[in-house]
C-alpha atoms as a PDB file:
ATOM      1  CA  MET A   1      34.715-205.400  20.001  1.00  0.00           C
ATOM      2  CA  LYS A   2      33.789-208.987  20.829  1.00  0.00           C
ATOM      3  CA  ALA A   3      36.284-210.891  23.003  1.00  0.00           C
ATOM      4  CA  LEU A   4      34.552-214.170  22.189  1.00  0.00           C
ATOM      5  CA  GLU A   5      31.935-215.115  19.733  1.00  0.00           C
ATOM      6  CA  VAL A   6      30.278-218.495  19.788  1.00  0.00           C
ATOM      7  CA  ARG A   7      28.084-219.193  16.747  1.00  0.00           C
ATOM      8  CA  ASP A   8      25.714-222.133  16.548  1.00  0.00           C
ATOM      9  CA  LEU A   9      28.278-224.537  18.139  1.00  0.00           C
ATOM     10  CA  LYS A  10      27.320-228.179  18.167  1.00  0.00           C
ATOM     11  CA  LYS A  11      29.156-231.174  19.557  1.00  0.00           C
ATOM     12  CA  THR A  12      28.120-234.791  19.233  1.00  0.00           C
ATOM     13  CA  TYR A  13      29.807-237.731  20.992  1.00  0.00           C
ATOM     14  CA  LYS A  14      29.599-241.337  20.255  1.00  0.00           C
ATOM     15  CA  ASP A  15      28.460-243.120  23.488  1.00  0.00           C
ATOM     16  CA  LYS A  16      30.380-246.419  23.214  1.00  0.00           C
ATOM     17  CA  VAL A  17      28.340-248.058  26.061  1.00  0.00           C
ATOM     18  CA  ALA A  18      24.901-247.021  24.814  1.00  0.00           C
ATOM     19  CA  GLY A  19      25.935-247.292  21.192  1.00  0.00           C
ATOM     20  CA  LYS A  20      24.273-244.018  20.213  1.00  0.00           C
ATOM     21  CA  ALA A  21      25.127-240.314  19.635  1.00  0.00           C
ATOM     22  CA  VAL A  22      25.038-237.917  22.460  1.00  0.00           C
ATOM     23  CA  GLU A  23      24.588-234.167  21.824  1.00  0.00           C
ATOM     24  CA  ALA A  24      26.739-232.258  24.296  1.00  0.00           C
ATOM     25  CA  LEU A  25      26.108-228.899  22.606  1.00  0.00           C
ATOM     26  CA  LYS A  26      22.991-228.160  20.580  1.00  0.00           C
ATOM     27  CA  GLY A  27      23.606-225.032  18.600  1.00  0.00           C
ATOM     28  CA  VAL A  28      25.064-222.774  21.389  1.00  0.00           C
ATOM     29  CA  SER A  29      25.418-219.055  20.495  1.00  0.00           C
ATOM     30  CA  PHE A  30      26.484-216.098  22.593  1.00  0.00           C
ATOM     31  CA  SER A  31      29.124-213.297  22.567  1.00  0.00           C
ATOM     32  CA  ILE A  32      31.325-211.604  25.182  1.00  0.00           C
ATOM     33  CA  GLU A  33      32.104-207.934  24.957  1.00  0.00           C
ATOM     34  CA  ALA A  34      35.770-206.967  25.322  1.00  0.00           C
ATOM     35  CA  GLY A  35      36.634-205.911  28.872  1.00  0.00           C
ATOM     36  CA  SER A  36      33.541-207.526  30.554  1.00  0.00           C
ATOM     37  CA  ILE A  37      32.946-210.425  32.903  1.00  0.00           C
ATOM     38  CA  PHE A  38      30.679-213.049  31.480  1.00  0.00           C
ATOM     39  CA  GLY A  39      29.233-215.875  33.606  1.00  0.00           C
ATOM     40  CA  LEU A  40      28.560-219.276  32.029  1.00  0.00           C
ATOM     41  CA  LEU A  41      26.186-220.955  34.407  1.00  0.00           C
ATOM     42  CA  GLY A  42      24.608-224.356  34.365  1.00  0.00           C
ATOM     43  CA  PRO A  43      24.197-227.612  36.328  1.00  0.00           C
ATOM     44  CA  ASN A  44      26.699-230.476  36.096  1.00  0.00           C
ATOM     45  CA  GLY A  45      26.609-232.087  32.651  1.00  0.00           C
ATOM     46  CA  ALA A  46      25.077-229.026  31.085  1.00  0.00           C
ATOM     47  CA  GLY A  47      27.957-228.592  28.386  1.00  0.00           C
ATOM     48  CA  LYS A  48      30.076-225.978  30.112  1.00  0.00           C
ATOM     49  CA  THR A  49      33.269-228.133  30.139  1.00  0.00           C
ATOM     50  CA  THR A  50      32.731-229.136  26.504  1.00  0.00           C
ATOM     51  CA  LEU A  51      32.337-225.584  25.455  1.00  0.00           C
ATOM     52  CA  ILE A  52      35.496-224.327  27.281  1.00  0.00           C
ATOM     53  CA  SER A  53      37.469-227.318  25.905  1.00  0.00           C
ATOM     54  CA  SER A  54      36.269-226.221  22.359  1.00  0.00           C
ATOM     55  CA  ILE A  55      37.482-222.602  22.976  1.00  0.00           C
ATOM     56  CA  ILE A  56      40.970-223.685  24.030  1.00  0.00           C
ATOM     57  CA  THR A  57      41.136-226.153  21.104  1.00  0.00           C
ATOM     58  CA  LEU A  58      41.108-229.348  23.248  1.00  0.00           C
ATOM     59  CA  GLU A  59      37.825-230.390  21.575  1.00  0.00           C
ATOM     60  CA  LYS A  60      36.902-229.926  17.979  1.00  0.00           C
ATOM     61  CA  PRO A  61      33.162-229.107  17.534  1.00  0.00           C
ATOM     62  CA  THR A  62      30.969-231.058  15.166  1.00  0.00           C
ATOM     63  CA  SER A  63      29.800-227.844  13.614  1.00  0.00           C
ATOM     64  CA  GLY A  64      29.621-224.033  14.293  1.00  0.00           C
ATOM     65  CA  GLU A  65      32.243-221.314  14.672  1.00  0.00           C
ATOM     66  CA  LEU A  66      34.314-219.826  17.434  1.00  0.00           C
ATOM     67  CA  PHE A  67      36.086-216.465  17.301  1.00  0.00           C
ATOM     68  CA  VAL A  68      38.493-214.915  19.770  1.00  0.00           C
ATOM     69  CA  PHE A  69      38.999-211.145  19.101  1.00  0.00           C
ATOM     70  CA  GLY A  70      37.815-211.730  15.525  1.00  0.00           C
ATOM     71  CA  ASP A  71      40.205-214.715  14.855  1.00  0.00           C
ATOM     72  CA  SER A  72      38.791-218.084  14.004  1.00  0.00           C
ATOM     73  CA  VAL A  73      39.697-220.559  16.782  1.00  0.00           C
ATOM     74  CA  LEU A  74      39.498-223.473  14.322  1.00  0.00           C
ATOM     75  CA  LYS A  75      41.576-221.781  11.606  1.00  0.00           C
ATOM     76  CA  GLN A  76      44.162-219.961  13.898  1.00  0.00           C
ATOM     77  CA  PRO A  77      44.473-222.230  16.941  1.00  0.00           C
ATOM     78  CA  LEU A  78      47.998-220.978  17.810  1.00  0.00           C
ATOM     79  CA  LYS A  79      46.966-217.364  17.807  1.00  0.00           C
ATOM     80  CA  THR A  80      43.950-218.402  20.096  1.00  0.00           C
ATOM     81  CA  LYS A  81      46.243-220.041  22.486  1.00  0.00           C
ATOM     82  CA  MET A  82      48.328-216.908  22.793  1.00  0.00           C
ATOM     83  CA  ASN A  83      45.238-214.719  23.429  1.00  0.00           C
ATOM     84  CA  VAL A  84      43.596-217.039  25.884  1.00  0.00           C
ATOM     85  CA  GLY A  85      44.440-218.142  29.537  1.00  0.00           C
ATOM     86  CA  VAL A  86      42.593-220.872  31.246  1.00  0.00           C
ATOM     87  CA  VAL A  87      42.223-221.842  34.975  1.00  0.00           C
ATOM     88  CA  HIS A  88      40.841-225.352  35.041  1.00  0.00           C
ATOM     89  CA  GLN A  89      38.547-226.565  37.784  1.00  0.00           C
ATOM     90  CA  GLU A  90      41.006-229.322  38.803  1.00  0.00           C
ATOM     91  CA  VAL A  91      44.289-228.221  40.378  1.00  0.00           C
ATOM     92  CA  ILE A  92      46.970-229.472  37.915  1.00  0.00           C
ATOM     93  CA  ASN A  93      50.568-228.834  39.058  1.00  0.00           C
ATOM     94  CA  THR A  94      53.696-230.899  39.158  1.00  0.00           C
ATOM     95  CA  GLY A  95      54.564-231.397  42.787  1.00  0.00           C
ATOM     96  CA  PHE A  96      58.285-231.638  42.608  1.00  0.00           C
ATOM     97  CA  PHE A  97      59.100-228.092  41.121  1.00  0.00           C
ATOM     98  CA  THR A  98      58.886-224.846  42.857  1.00  0.00           C
ATOM     99  CA  ILE A  99      56.395-221.993  42.078  1.00  0.00           C
ATOM    100  CA  GLU A 100      59.320-220.031  40.328  1.00  0.00           C
ATOM    101  CA  GLU A 101      60.184-223.047  38.140  1.00  0.00           C
ATOM    102  CA  ILE A 102      56.627-223.843  37.145  1.00  0.00           C
ATOM    103  CA  LEU A 103      55.955-220.253  35.996  1.00  0.00           C
ATOM    104  CA  GLY A 104      59.229-220.385  34.078  1.00  0.00           C
ATOM    105  CA  PHE A 105      58.180-223.621  32.346  1.00  0.00           C
ATOM    106  CA  GLN A 106      54.807-222.160  31.603  1.00  0.00           C
ATOM    107  CA  SER A 107      56.375-219.143  30.087  1.00  0.00           C
ATOM    108  CA  GLY A 108      58.557-221.370  27.846  1.00  0.00           C
ATOM    109  CA  TYR A 109      55.393-223.217  26.785  1.00  0.00           C
ATOM    110  CA  TYR A 110      54.306-219.989  25.105  1.00  0.00           C
ATOM    111  CA  GLY A 111      57.631-219.311  23.703  1.00  0.00           C
ATOM    112  CA  ILE A 112      58.511-216.535  26.229  1.00  0.00           C
ATOM    113  CA  LEU A 113      62.156-217.060  27.224  1.00  0.00           C
ATOM    114  CA  LYS A 114      62.632-213.976  29.308  1.00  0.00           C
ATOM    115  CA  ASN A 115      59.604-213.403  31.557  1.00  0.00           C
ATOM    116  CA  LYS A 116      60.979-212.937  35.011  1.00  0.00           C
ATOM    117  CA  GLU A 117      59.427-209.549  35.406  1.00  0.00           C
ATOM    118  CA  ARG A 118      55.969-210.743  34.563  1.00  0.00           C
ATOM    119  CA  CYS A 119      56.309-213.920  36.818  1.00  0.00           C
ATOM    120  CA  ASP A 120      57.601-211.770  39.764  1.00  0.00           C
ATOM    121  CA  TYR A 121      54.647-209.343  39.301  1.00  0.00           C
ATOM    122  CA  LEU A 122      52.121-212.298  39.378  1.00  0.00           C
ATOM    123  CA  MET A 123      53.641-213.982  42.323  1.00  0.00           C
ATOM    124  CA  GLN A 124      53.494-210.621  44.298  1.00  0.00           C
ATOM    125  CA  LYS A 125      49.929-209.919  43.218  1.00  0.00           C
ATOM    126  CA  LEU A 126      48.648-213.428  44.130  1.00  0.00           C
ATOM    127  CA  SER A 127      50.593-213.523  47.476  1.00  0.00           C
ATOM    128  CA  LEU A 128      52.971-216.251  46.269  1.00  0.00           C
ATOM    129  CA  TRP A 129      56.199-214.243  46.382  1.00  0.00           C
ATOM    130  CA  GLU A 130      57.255-215.494  49.880  1.00  0.00           C
ATOM    131  CA  HIS A 131      56.631-219.039  48.846  1.00  0.00           C
ATOM    132  CA  ARG A 132      58.258-218.866  45.365  1.00  0.00           C
ATOM    133  CA  ARG A 133      61.049-221.382  46.232  1.00  0.00           C
ATOM    134  CA  LYS A 134      58.658-223.920  47.747  1.00  0.00           C
ATOM    135  CA  LYS A 135      57.866-227.063  45.926  1.00  0.00           C
ATOM    136  CA  VAL A 136      54.203-227.386  44.817  1.00  0.00           C
ATOM    137  CA  LYS A 137      53.687-230.436  47.071  1.00  0.00           C
ATOM    138  CA  GLN A 138      54.368-228.252  50.088  1.00  0.00           C
ATOM    139  CA  LEU A 139      51.715-225.755  49.240  1.00  0.00           C
ATOM    140  CA  SER A 140      48.241-225.412  50.660  1.00  0.00           C
ATOM    141  CA  GLY A 141      45.163-225.867  48.504  1.00  0.00           C
ATOM    142  CA  GLY A 142      44.607-222.137  48.373  1.00  0.00           C
ATOM    143  CA  MET A 143      48.170-221.465  47.155  1.00  0.00           C
ATOM    144  CA  LYS A 144      47.873-224.146  44.493  1.00  0.00           C
ATOM    145  CA  ARG A 145      44.800-222.426  43.238  1.00  0.00           C
ATOM    146  CA  ARG A 146      46.550-219.069  43.068  1.00  0.00           C
ATOM    147  CA  LEU A 147      49.464-220.723  41.289  1.00  0.00           C
ATOM    148  CA  MET A 148      46.962-221.986  38.669  1.00  0.00           C
ATOM    149  CA  ILE A 149      45.829-218.383  38.048  1.00  0.00           C
ATOM    150  CA  ALA A 150      49.395-217.236  37.778  1.00  0.00           C
ATOM    151  CA  LYS A 151      50.200-219.833  35.225  1.00  0.00           C
ATOM    152  CA  ALA A 152      47.172-218.816  33.175  1.00  0.00           C
ATOM    153  CA  LEU A 153      48.373-215.159  33.122  1.00  0.00           C
ATOM    154  CA  VAL A 154      52.095-215.587  32.422  1.00  0.00           C
ATOM    155  CA  HIS A 155      51.646-214.801  28.687  1.00  0.00           C
ATOM    156  CA  SER A 156      49.377-211.668  29.282  1.00  0.00           C
ATOM    157  CA  PRO A 157      46.258-213.142  27.637  1.00  0.00           C
ATOM    158  CA  LYS A 158      43.461-210.821  26.545  1.00  0.00           C
ATOM    159  CA  LEU A 159      40.716-213.413  27.417  1.00  0.00           C
ATOM    160  CA  LEU A 160      40.789-215.378  30.729  1.00  0.00           C
ATOM    161  CA  LEU A 161      38.682-218.474  31.255  1.00  0.00           C
ATOM    162  CA  LEU A 162      37.940-219.278  34.924  1.00  0.00           C
ATOM    163  CA  ASP A 163      36.398-222.777  35.452  1.00  0.00           C
ATOM    164  CA  GLU A 164      35.066-222.918  39.049  1.00  0.00           C
ATOM    165  CA  PRO A 165      38.007-220.725  40.326  1.00  0.00           C
ATOM    166  CA  THR A 166      36.714-220.668  43.909  1.00  0.00           C
ATOM    167  CA  ALA A 167      35.755-224.266  44.242  1.00  0.00           C
ATOM    168  CA  GLY A 168      36.978-225.683  47.540  1.00  0.00           C
ATOM    169  CA  VAL A 169      38.611-222.528  48.847  1.00  0.00           C
ATOM    170  CA  ASP A 170      37.771-220.677  52.008  1.00  0.00           C
ATOM    171  CA  VAL A 171      35.807-217.323  52.192  1.00  0.00           C
ATOM    172  CA  SER A 172      38.814-215.021  52.670  1.00  0.00           C
ATOM    173  CA  LEU A 173      40.614-216.482  49.677  1.00  0.00           C
ATOM    174  CA  ARG A 174      37.426-216.303  47.649  1.00  0.00           C
ATOM    175  CA  GLU A 175      37.133-212.627  48.355  1.00  0.00           C
ATOM    176  CA  SER A 176      40.819-211.953  47.520  1.00  0.00           C
ATOM    177  CA  LEU A 177      40.567-213.789  44.232  1.00  0.00           C
ATOM    178  CA  TRP A 178      37.423-211.797  43.299  1.00  0.00           C
ATOM    179  CA  ASP A 179      39.276-208.639  44.141  1.00  0.00           C
ATOM    180  CA  PHE A 180      42.064-209.590  41.816  1.00  0.00           C
ATOM    181  CA  VAL A 181      39.554-210.512  39.037  1.00  0.00           C
ATOM    182  CA  HIS A 182      38.209-206.946  39.397  1.00  0.00           C
ATOM    183  CA  GLU A 183      41.699-205.657  38.908  1.00  0.00           C
ATOM    184  CA  LEU A 184      42.097-207.829  35.764  1.00  0.00           C
ATOM    185  CA  LYS A 185      38.924-206.346  34.400  1.00  0.00           C
ATOM    186  CA  ALA A 186      40.121-202.813  35.023  1.00  0.00           C
ATOM    187  CA  GLU A 187      43.246-203.665  33.090  1.00  0.00           C
ATOM    188  CA  GLY A 188      41.004-204.481  30.138  1.00  0.00           C
ATOM    189  CA  ILE A 189      41.094-208.319  30.314  1.00  0.00           C
ATOM    190  CA  SER A 190      37.931-210.079  29.306  1.00  0.00           C
ATOM    191  CA  ILE A 191      36.775-212.906  31.586  1.00  0.00           C
ATOM    192  CA  LEU A 192      34.570-215.938  31.094  1.00  0.00           C
ATOM    193  CA  LEU A 193      33.836-217.662  34.377  1.00  0.00           C
ATOM    194  CA  THR A 194      31.833-220.717  35.443  1.00  0.00           C
ATOM    195  CA  THR A 195      30.768-221.065  39.157  1.00  0.00           C
ATOM    196  CA  HIS A 196      28.229-222.852  41.261  1.00  0.00           C
ATOM    197  CA  TYR A 197      28.176-219.952  43.650  1.00  0.00           C
ATOM    198  CA  LEU A 198      25.314-217.992  42.188  1.00  0.00           C
ATOM    199  CA  GLU A 199      25.751-215.073  44.577  1.00  0.00           C
ATOM    200  CA  GLU A 200      29.263-214.631  43.083  1.00  0.00           C
ATOM    201  CA  ALA A 201      27.827-214.497  39.464  1.00  0.00           C
ATOM    202  CA  GLU A 202      25.140-212.047  40.453  1.00  0.00           C
ATOM    203  CA  ARG A 203      27.774-209.686  42.023  1.00  0.00           C
ATOM    204  CA  MET A 204      30.686-210.065  39.603  1.00  0.00           C
ATOM    205  CA  CYS A 205      29.140-210.655  36.090  1.00  0.00           C
ATOM    206  CA  ASP A 206      28.058-207.983  33.553  1.00  0.00           C
ATOM    207  CA  ARG A 207      26.153-210.682  31.732  1.00  0.00           C
ATOM    208  CA  VAL A 208      25.341-214.428  32.132  1.00  0.00           C
ATOM    209  CA  ALA A 209      24.333-217.268  29.880  1.00  0.00           C
ATOM    210  CA  ILE A 210      22.387-220.204  31.415  1.00  0.00           C
ATOM    211  CA  ILE A 211      23.135-223.459  29.707  1.00  0.00           C
ATOM    212  CA  ASN A 212      21.408-226.790  30.334  1.00  0.00           C
ATOM    213  CA  LYS A 213      21.515-229.994  28.398  1.00  0.00           C
ATOM    214  CA  GLY A 214      23.570-228.325  25.665  1.00  0.00           C
ATOM    215  CA  THR A 215      21.161-225.556  25.034  1.00  0.00           C
ATOM    216  CA  VAL A 216      21.455-221.843  26.090  1.00  0.00           C
ATOM    217  CA  LEU A 217      18.159-221.005  28.037  1.00  0.00           C
ATOM    218  CA  PHE A 218      19.075-217.369  28.832  1.00  0.00           C
ATOM    219  CA  ASN A 219      21.574-214.729  27.777  1.00  0.00           C
ATOM    220  CA  GLY A 220      21.468-211.289  29.394  1.00  0.00           C
ATOM    221  CA  THR A 221      22.185-209.380  32.520  1.00  0.00           C
ATOM    222  CA  PRO A 222      21.734-210.967  35.993  1.00  0.00           C
ATOM    223  CA  GLN A 223      19.292-208.180  36.703  1.00  0.00           C
ATOM    224  CA  ASP A 224      17.159-209.012  33.683  1.00  0.00           C
ATOM    225  CA  MET A 225      17.174-212.675  34.601  1.00  0.00           C
ATOM    226  CA  ILE A 226      16.104-211.967  38.245  1.00  0.00           C
ATOM    227  CA  ALA A 227      13.329-209.703  36.991  1.00  0.00           C
ATOM    228  CA  GLU A 228      12.081-212.249  34.495  1.00  0.00           C
ATOM    229  CA  TYR A 229      12.382-215.544  36.303  1.00  0.00           C
ATOM    230  CA  SER A 230      12.580-214.844  40.088  1.00  0.00           C
ATOM    231  CA  ASN A 231       9.924-213.802  42.599  1.00  0.00           C
ATOM    232  CA  LYS A 232      10.150-211.403  45.535  1.00  0.00           C
ATOM    233  CA  LYS A 233       8.489-211.616  48.992  1.00  0.00           C
ATOM    234  CA  MET A 234       6.402-208.695  50.090  1.00  0.00           C
ATOM    235  CA  VAL A 235       5.456-208.503  53.793  1.00  0.00           C
ATOM    236  CA  LEU A 236       2.706-205.929  54.700  1.00  0.00           C
ATOM    237  CA  MET A 237       2.281-204.974  58.387  1.00  0.00           C
ATOM    238  CA  MET A 238      -1.274-203.820  58.669  1.00  0.00           C
ATOM    239  CA  LYS A 239      -2.473-201.103  61.144  1.00  0.00           C
ATOM    240  CA  ASN A 240      -4.794-203.634  62.761  1.00  0.00           C
ATOM    241  CA  GLY A 241      -1.840-205.923  63.653  1.00  0.00           C
ATOM    242  CA  GLU A 242      -2.282-208.418  60.845  1.00  0.00           C
ATOM    243  CA  VAL A 243       0.708-209.450  58.833  1.00  0.00           C
ATOM    244  CA  ARG A 244       0.179-210.397  55.207  1.00  0.00           C
ATOM    245  CA  GLU A 245       2.795-212.006  52.987  1.00  0.00           C
ATOM    246  CA  PHE A 246       2.745-212.307  49.257  1.00  0.00           C
ATOM    247  CA  ILE A 247       5.142-214.021  46.765  1.00  0.00           C
ATOM    248  CA  GLU A 248       5.053-212.056  43.588  1.00  0.00           C
ATOM    249  CA  SER A 249       6.919-211.485  40.282  1.00  0.00           C
ATOM    250  CA  ASN A 250       9.846-209.116  40.642  1.00  0.00           C
ATOM    251  CA  ARG A 251       8.207-207.052  37.925  1.00  0.00           C
ATOM    252  CA  LEU A 252       5.145-206.321  40.143  1.00  0.00           C
ATOM    253  CA  GLY A 253       5.279-202.883  41.852  1.00  0.00           C
ATOM    254  CA  ILE A 254       3.785-201.978  45.255  1.00  0.00           C
ATOM    255  CA  SER A 255       0.829-200.081  43.695  1.00  0.00           C
ATOM    256  CA  GLU A 256       0.074-203.071  41.443  1.00  0.00           C
ATOM    257  CA  LEU A 257       0.262-205.421  44.313  1.00  0.00           C
ATOM    258  CA  LEU A 258      -2.243-203.357  46.312  1.00  0.00           C
ATOM    259  CA  MET A 259      -4.539-203.195  43.359  1.00  0.00           C
ATOM    260  CA  LYS A 260      -4.369-206.918  42.675  1.00  0.00           C
ATOM    261  CA  HIS A 261      -5.187-207.834  46.258  1.00  0.00           C
ATOM    262  CA  GLN A 262      -7.578-204.915  46.860  1.00  0.00           C
ATOM    263  CA  ILE A 263      -5.632-203.420  49.766  1.00  0.00           C
ATOM    264  CA  ASN A 264      -5.841-199.710  50.695  1.00  0.00           C
ATOM    265  CA  LEU A 265      -2.449-197.964  51.315  1.00  0.00           C
ATOM    266  CA  SER A 266      -3.981-196.213  54.257  1.00  0.00           C
ATOM    267  CA  ASP A 267      -4.394-199.524  56.037  1.00  0.00           C
ATOM    268  CA  ILE A 268      -0.777-200.298  55.937  1.00  0.00           C
ATOM    269  CA  GLN A 269       1.730-199.624  58.826  1.00  0.00           C
ATOM    270  CA  ASP A 270       4.861-200.838  57.114  1.00  0.00           C
ATOM    271  CA  ILE A 271       6.135-202.762  54.067  1.00  0.00           C
ATOM    272  CA  LYS A 272       9.063-205.083  53.802  1.00  0.00           C
ATOM    273  CA  ILE A 273      10.413-206.380  50.545  1.00  0.00           C
ATOM    274  CA  GLU A 274      12.869-209.278  49.999  1.00  0.00           C
ATOM    275  CA  GLU A 275      14.045-209.033  46.399  1.00  0.00           C
ATOM    276  CA  GLY A 276      14.544-212.200  44.336  1.00  0.00           C
ATOM    277  CA  ARG A 277      18.029-213.477  43.821  1.00  0.00           C
ATOM    278  CA  LEU A 278      19.823-214.962  40.776  1.00  0.00           C
ATOM    279  CA  GLU A 279      19.926-218.390  42.538  1.00  0.00           C
ATOM    280  CA  ASN A 280      16.117-218.446  42.726  1.00  0.00           C
ATOM    281  CA  ALA A 281      15.840-217.448  39.040  1.00  0.00           C
ATOM    282  CA  PHE A 282      18.448-220.159  38.038  1.00  0.00           C
ATOM    283  CA  SER A 283      16.664-222.888  39.996  1.00  0.00           C
ATOM    284  CA  LYS A 284      13.381-222.033  38.376  1.00  0.00           C
ATOM    285  CA  MET A 285      14.813-221.910  34.962  1.00  0.00           C
ATOM    286  CA  VAL A 286      16.760-225.215  34.916  1.00  0.00           C
ATOM    287  CA  ALA A 287      13.708-227.017  36.523  1.00  0.00           C
ATOM    288  CA  GLN A 288      11.440-226.211  33.552  1.00  0.00           C
END
């Protein structure tokens, strides 16, 4: 089953300063399998925020269709809101209320009047329990980020949108957040994330889509993207002491390399290979 389907989505704004139309989304299409982690990657201004805003009904697309677990986002916005949780990039919390109070208010927003058990569970899982009676203005940046995640999960959504969830947090918190994301996936929750940390996307995501200037450039697995668009470095230590380095496509095997450069295997002492990474493939793709 598809957790999310985006079909030929277009969004055009009127630039009041320039006095002309600006296409933020130019026929974007992709889908997310239920229970998977999907990375939406792209440079600033690529259209990611507009797309996420459309999914959560904050923006109305110019044309195209959106479906969350088979339900039309445009025709059934209330059902969409109940099925989707979102963690925005900016930390948005009311500073004069406690963690407990904010999670209670958030539950009420979804019409859930008795939600203490769920809120207590989230506070414990996200290491907020000991701080539950602290006001938000007293919390560290990391705790505020975890509170944002707890707010997004109070209504037990089936699809979670994470917009730069680890931006501005330290390494240890990043790791603990990703561990929690893996737990959510194990529970069957589908996840759409955006991140500028490409190594995270390579490690976490089942599939990724690269978007730039409102257009999807790639949609597939991180491994396929690396193989197609990245290069690897091959270092040959020759028996005569010479060291030869080659930058080649990830698809090129050792035997093909030797044949291409007319090198005999018997002349080689050792071979070291540095595989291409998602970051290299991403940079190459968006530069085109």
